[in-house]
C-alpha atoms as a PDB file:
ATOM      1  CA  MET A   1     244.746 -32.436  58.832  1.00  0.00           C
ATOM      2  CA  GLU A   2     246.186 -29.423  60.643  1.00  0.00           C
ATOM      3  CA  GLY A   3     245.597 -27.312  57.538  1.00  0.00           C
ATOM      4  CA  TRP A   4     241.900 -28.210  57.476  1.00  0.00           C
ATOM      5  CA  LEU A   5     241.554 -27.518  61.173  1.00  0.00           C
ATOM      6  CA  GLN A   6     243.195 -24.110  60.729  1.00  0.00           C
ATOM      7  CA  LEU A   7     240.922 -23.289  57.778  1.00  0.00           C
ATOM      8  CA  LEU A   8     237.921 -24.180  59.906  1.00  0.00           C
ATOM      9  CA  SER A   9     239.227 -22.098  62.799  1.00  0.00           C
ATOM     10  CA  ASP A  10     239.699 -19.123  60.445  1.00  0.00           C
ATOM     11  CA  TRP A  11     236.177 -19.483  59.026  1.00  0.00           C
ATOM     12  CA  PRO A  12     234.337 -16.167  59.563  1.00  0.00           C
ATOM     13  CA  VAL A  13     231.525 -17.868  61.489  1.00  0.00           C
ATOM     14  CA  ALA A  14     234.040 -19.465  63.888  1.00  0.00           C
ATOM     15  CA  VAL A  15     235.774 -16.135  64.348  1.00  0.00           C
ATOM     16  CA  ALA A  16     232.436 -14.427  65.056  1.00  0.00           C
ATOM     17  CA  LEU A  17     231.538 -17.095  67.609  1.00  0.00           C
ATOM     18  CA  ARG A  18     234.866 -16.662  69.394  1.00  0.00           C
ATOM     19  CA  ARG A  19     234.608 -12.858  69.461  1.00  0.00           C
ATOM     20  CA  SER A  20     230.968 -12.546  70.486  1.00  0.00           C
ATOM     21  CA  ALA A  21     229.885 -12.484  74.092  1.00  0.00           C
ATOM     22  CA  VAL A  22     226.389 -13.533  72.967  1.00  0.00           C
ATOM     23  CA  LEU A  23     226.673 -15.830  69.925  1.00  0.00           C
ATOM     24  CA  TYR A  24     228.731 -18.608  71.486  1.00  0.00           C
ATOM     25  CA  PRO A  25     226.500 -18.936  74.590  1.00  0.00           C
ATOM     26  CA  LEU A  26     223.385 -18.973  72.371  1.00  0.00           C
ATOM     27  CA  VAL A  27     224.785 -21.705  70.114  1.00  0.00           C
ATOM     28  CA  ASN A  28     225.947 -23.645  73.172  1.00  0.00           C
ATOM     29  CA  ALA A  29     222.478 -23.373  74.725  1.00  0.00           C
ATOM     30  CA  ALA A  30     220.875 -24.504  71.448  1.00  0.00           C
ATOM     31  CA  HIS A  31     223.252 -27.488  71.389  1.00  0.00           C
ATOM     32  CA  ILE A  32     222.351 -28.493  74.937  1.00  0.00           C
ATOM     33  CA  LEU A  33     218.634 -27.998  74.248  1.00  0.00           C
ATOM     34  CA  SER A  34     218.869 -30.077  71.067  1.00  0.00           C
ATOM     35  CA  PHE A  35     220.623 -32.905  72.869  1.00  0.00           C
ATOM     36  CA  GLY A  36     218.062 -32.699  75.672  1.00  0.00           C
ATOM     37  CA  VAL A  37     215.261 -33.189  73.160  1.00  0.00           C
ATOM     38  CA  VAL A  38     217.169 -36.080  71.559  1.00  0.00           C
ATOM     39  CA  LEU A  39     217.603 -37.723  74.931  1.00  0.00           C
ATOM     40  CA  GLY A  40     213.988 -37.136  75.975  1.00  0.00           C
ATOM     41  CA  ALA A  41     212.564 -38.639  72.801  1.00  0.00           C
ATOM     42  CA  ILE A  42     214.957 -41.575  72.676  1.00  0.00           C
ATOM     43  CA  VAL A  43     214.677 -42.491  76.355  1.00  0.00           C
ATOM     44  CA  THR A  44     210.877 -42.398  76.136  1.00  0.00           C
ATOM     45  CA  LEU A  45     210.905 -44.661  73.078  1.00  0.00           C
ATOM     46  CA  ASP A  46     213.494 -47.016  74.585  1.00  0.00           C
ATOM     47  CA  LEU A  47     211.513 -47.358  77.798  1.00  0.00           C
ATOM     48  CA  ARG A  48     208.392 -48.183  75.766  1.00  0.00           C
ATOM     49  CA  LEU A  49     210.350 -50.829  73.861  1.00  0.00           C
ATOM     50  CA  LEU A  50     211.488 -52.297  77.177  1.00  0.00           C
ATOM     51  CA  GLY A  51     207.899 -52.625  78.401  1.00  0.00           C
ATOM     52  CA  LEU A  52     206.953 -49.367  80.107  1.00  0.00           C
ATOM     53  CA  PHE A  53     203.989 -47.278  78.909  1.00  0.00           C
ATOM     54  CA  ARG A  54     202.334 -50.398  77.426  1.00  0.00           C
ATOM     55  CA  ARG A  55     198.927 -48.778  77.283  1.00  0.00           C
ATOM     56  CA  HIS A  56     200.347 -46.490  74.566  1.00  0.00           C
ATOM     57  CA  ALA A  57     200.683 -48.252  71.235  1.00  0.00           C
ATOM     58  CA  LEU A  58     204.196 -48.433  69.885  1.00  0.00           C
ATOM     59  CA  ALA A  59     202.748 -47.670  66.453  1.00  0.00           C
ATOM     60  CA  ALA A  60     201.526 -44.332  67.857  1.00  0.00           C
ATOM     61  CA  LEU A  61     204.674 -43.454  69.838  1.00  0.00           C
ATOM     62  CA  GLY A  62     207.462 -44.831  67.650  1.00  0.00           C
ATOM     63  CA  PRO A  63     207.212 -42.733  64.493  1.00  0.00           C
ATOM     64  CA  PRO A  64     206.774 -39.288  66.108  1.00  0.00           C
ATOM     65  CA  LEU A  65     209.416 -39.902  68.774  1.00  0.00           C
ATOM     66  CA  SER A  66     211.847 -41.135  66.108  1.00  0.00           C
ATOM     67  CA  CYS A  67     211.112 -38.072  63.997  1.00  0.00           C
ATOM     68  CA  VAL A  68     211.581 -35.676  66.926  1.00  0.00           C
ATOM     69  CA  ALA A  69     214.836 -37.409  67.877  1.00  0.00           C
ATOM     70  CA  GLY A  70     216.096 -37.210  64.289  1.00  0.00           C
ATOM     71  CA  MET A  71     215.287 -33.523  63.900  1.00  0.00           C
ATOM     72  CA  ALA A  72     216.812 -32.681  67.276  1.00  0.00           C
ATOM     73  CA  LEU A  73     219.910 -34.717  66.425  1.00  0.00           C
ATOM     74  CA  ALA A  74     220.285 -32.689  63.225  1.00  0.00           C
ATOM     75  CA  GLY A  75     220.095 -29.518  65.335  1.00  0.00           C
ATOM     76  CA  ALA A  76     222.650 -30.920  67.774  1.00  0.00           C
ATOM     77  CA  ALA A  77     224.976 -31.840  64.896  1.00  0.00           C
ATOM     78  CA  LEU A  78     224.728 -28.371  63.361  1.00  0.00           C
ATOM     79  CA  THR A  79     225.284 -26.532  66.628  1.00  0.00           C
ATOM     80  CA  GLY A  80     227.986 -29.018  67.606  1.00  0.00           C
ATOM     81  CA  PHE A  81     229.824 -28.328  64.365  1.00  0.00           C
ATOM     82  CA  LEU A  82     229.612 -24.588  65.039  1.00  0.00           C
ATOM     83  CA  LEU A  83     231.005 -25.058  68.544  1.00  0.00           C
ATOM     84  CA  PHE A  84     233.743 -27.346  67.206  1.00  0.00           C
ATOM     85  CA  SER A  85     234.739 -24.726  64.639  1.00  0.00           C
ATOM     86  CA  THR A  86     235.785 -22.301  67.381  1.00  0.00           C
ATOM     87  CA  ARG A  87     238.689 -24.509  68.568  1.00  0.00           C
ATOM     88  CA  PRO A  88     238.987 -27.518  66.275  1.00  0.00           C
ATOM     89  CA  ALA A  89     242.647 -28.301  67.027  1.00  0.00           C
ATOM     90  CA  ALA A  90     241.934 -28.432  70.759  1.00  0.00           C
ATOM     91  CA  TYR A  91     238.805 -30.556  70.339  1.00  0.00           C
ATOM     92  CA  VAL A  92     240.443 -33.233  68.179  1.00  0.00           C
ATOM     93  CA  GLU A  93     242.929 -33.794  71.010  1.00  0.00           C
ATOM     94  CA  ASN A  94     240.295 -33.901  73.762  1.00  0.00           C
ATOM     95  CA  PRO A  95     239.558 -37.500  74.858  1.00  0.00           C
ATOM     96  CA  ALA A  96     236.064 -36.597  76.094  1.00  0.00           C
ATOM     97  CA  PHE A  97     235.216 -35.031  72.724  1.00  0.00           C
ATOM     98  CA  LEU A  98     236.470 -38.131  70.918  1.00  0.00           C
ATOM     99  CA  ALA A  99     234.476 -40.350  73.272  1.00  0.00           C
ATOM    100  CA  LYS A 100     231.366 -38.268  72.627  1.00  0.00           C
ATOM    101  CA  LEU A 101     231.806 -38.605  68.865  1.00  0.00           C
ATOM    102  CA  ALA A 102     232.297 -42.360  69.198  1.00  0.00           C
ATOM    103  CA  LEU A 103     229.186 -42.713  71.364  1.00  0.00           C
ATOM    104  CA  VAL A 104     227.075 -40.612  68.994  1.00  0.00           C
ATOM    105  CA  ALA A 105     228.291 -42.741  66.069  1.00  0.00           C
ATOM    106  CA  LEU A 106     227.465 -45.911  68.014  1.00  0.00           C
ATOM    107  CA  GLY A 107     224.018 -44.546  68.869  1.00  0.00           C
ATOM    108  CA  LEU A 108     223.352 -43.691  65.229  1.00  0.00           C
ATOM    109  CA  LEU A 109     224.528 -47.102  64.020  1.00  0.00           C
ATOM    110  CA  ASN A 110     222.364 -48.804  66.641  1.00  0.00           C
ATOM    111  CA  ALA A 111     219.302 -46.799  65.579  1.00  0.00           C
ATOM    112  CA  LEU A 112     219.914 -47.352  61.870  1.00  0.00           C
ATOM    113  CA  ALA A 113     220.485 -51.090  62.326  1.00  0.00           C
ATOM    114  CA  LEU A 114     217.309 -51.346  64.393  1.00  0.00           C
ATOM    115  CA  ARG A 115     215.171 -49.566  61.832  1.00  0.00           C
ATOM    116  CA  ALA A 116     216.664 -51.488  58.913  1.00  0.00           C
ATOM    117  CA  GLY A 117     215.585 -54.838  60.349  1.00  0.00           C
ATOM    118  CA  ARG A 118     212.224 -56.575  60.173  1.00  0.00           C
ATOM    119  CA  SER A 119     212.055 -56.706  63.989  1.00  0.00           C
ATOM    120  CA  TRP A 120     211.337 -52.973  64.206  1.00  0.00           C
ATOM    121  CA  ARG A 121     208.498 -53.174  61.675  1.00  0.00           C
ATOM    122  CA  THR A 122     207.046 -56.187  63.501  1.00  0.00           C
ATOM    123  CA  ALA A 123     207.017 -54.247  66.777  1.00  0.00           C
ATOM    124  CA  LEU A 124     205.435 -51.193  65.105  1.00  0.00           C
ATOM    125  CA  GLU A 125     202.723 -53.360  63.551  1.00  0.00           C
ATOM    126  CA  GLY A 126     201.544 -54.331  67.018  1.00  0.00           C
ATOM    127  CA  GLY A 127     203.346 -57.635  67.332  1.00  0.00           C
ATOM    128  CA  PRO A 128     205.476 -58.558  70.305  1.00  0.00           C
ATOM    129  CA  VAL A 129     208.657 -56.555  70.773  1.00  0.00           C
ATOM    130  CA  PRO A 130     211.439 -58.936  69.694  1.00  0.00           C
ATOM    131  CA  ASN A 131     214.466 -59.439  71.920  1.00  0.00           C
ATOM    132  CA  ARG A 132     216.679 -57.871  69.234  1.00  0.00           C
ATOM    133  CA  VAL A 133     214.645 -54.658  69.557  1.00  0.00           C
ATOM    134  CA  ARG A 134     214.813 -54.762  73.356  1.00  0.00           C
ATOM    135  CA  LEU A 135     218.586 -55.196  73.186  1.00  0.00           C
ATOM    136  CA  ALA A 136     218.877 -52.212  70.838  1.00  0.00           C
ATOM    137  CA  ALA A 137     216.774 -50.164  73.288  1.00  0.00           C
ATOM    138  CA  LEU A 138     219.031 -51.173  76.174  1.00  0.00           C
ATOM    139  CA  VAL A 139     222.156 -50.264  74.193  1.00  0.00           C
ATOM    140  CA  SER A 140     220.536 -46.940  73.313  1.00  0.00           C
ATOM    141  CA  LEU A 141     219.751 -46.231  76.981  1.00  0.00           C
ATOM    142  CA  LEU A 142     223.444 -46.611  77.753  1.00  0.00           C
ATOM    143  CA  VAL A 143     224.950 -44.914  74.700  1.00  0.00           C
ATOM    144  CA  TRP A 144     222.963 -41.660  74.424  1.00  0.00           C
ATOM    145  CA  PRO A 145     223.256 -40.599  78.081  1.00  0.00           C
ATOM    146  CA  GLY A 146     226.926 -41.615  77.813  1.00  0.00           C
ATOM    147  CA  ALA A 147     227.311 -39.189  74.912  1.00  0.00           C
ATOM    148  CA  VAL A 148     225.761 -36.431  77.014  1.00  0.00           C
ATOM    149  CA  LEU A 149     228.103 -37.187  79.925  1.00  0.00           C
ATOM    150  CA  ALA A 150     231.128 -37.226  77.631  1.00  0.00           C
ATOM    151  CA  GLY A 151     229.980 -33.917  76.175  1.00  0.00           C
ATOM    152  CA  ARG A 152     229.731 -32.350  79.604  1.00  0.00           C
ATOM    153  CA  TRP A 153     233.219 -33.678  80.421  1.00  0.00           C
ATOM    154  CA  ILE A 154     234.820 -31.918  77.440  1.00  0.00           C
ATOM    155  CA  GLY A 155     235.252 -28.648  79.307  1.00  0.00           C
ATOM    156  CA  PHE A 156     237.008 -30.372  82.201  1.00  0.00           C
ATOM    157  CA  LEU A 157     239.732 -31.844  79.977  1.00  0.00           C
ATOM    158  CA  GLN A 158     240.882 -28.682  78.226  1.00  0.00           C
END
């Protein structure tokens, strides 16, 4: 594992990020912006699933918010990988980083399980929002902000 981490640390992109006074802050800002968009889209959708914004059809809100969240999460993953590459050995030992990864994985599993079930399609078709969907929304409202908080904590545990 140490060999892979060293290879990643020696990657020319990681070296450039470490040496540049501009690149690292730009990638960091893009990461924070991406996660902000993820959080904004997901929280809006979760709140709708929990009963707020009822005058807006879930069929109209669900697909675009899910798409925006997915694209922003891809951006956050890419920029997060770039940031990780600058100090991989330090990050794999950082409890806040590990907590963030675990929370992101939990959030992804929750979203995938929700969308794989019939309950999600029922809610999108205009039927009542099943309790299973509401529970997934509640879990999501806890997990994604938790991932953001863990991410912010990384720098304090170096």
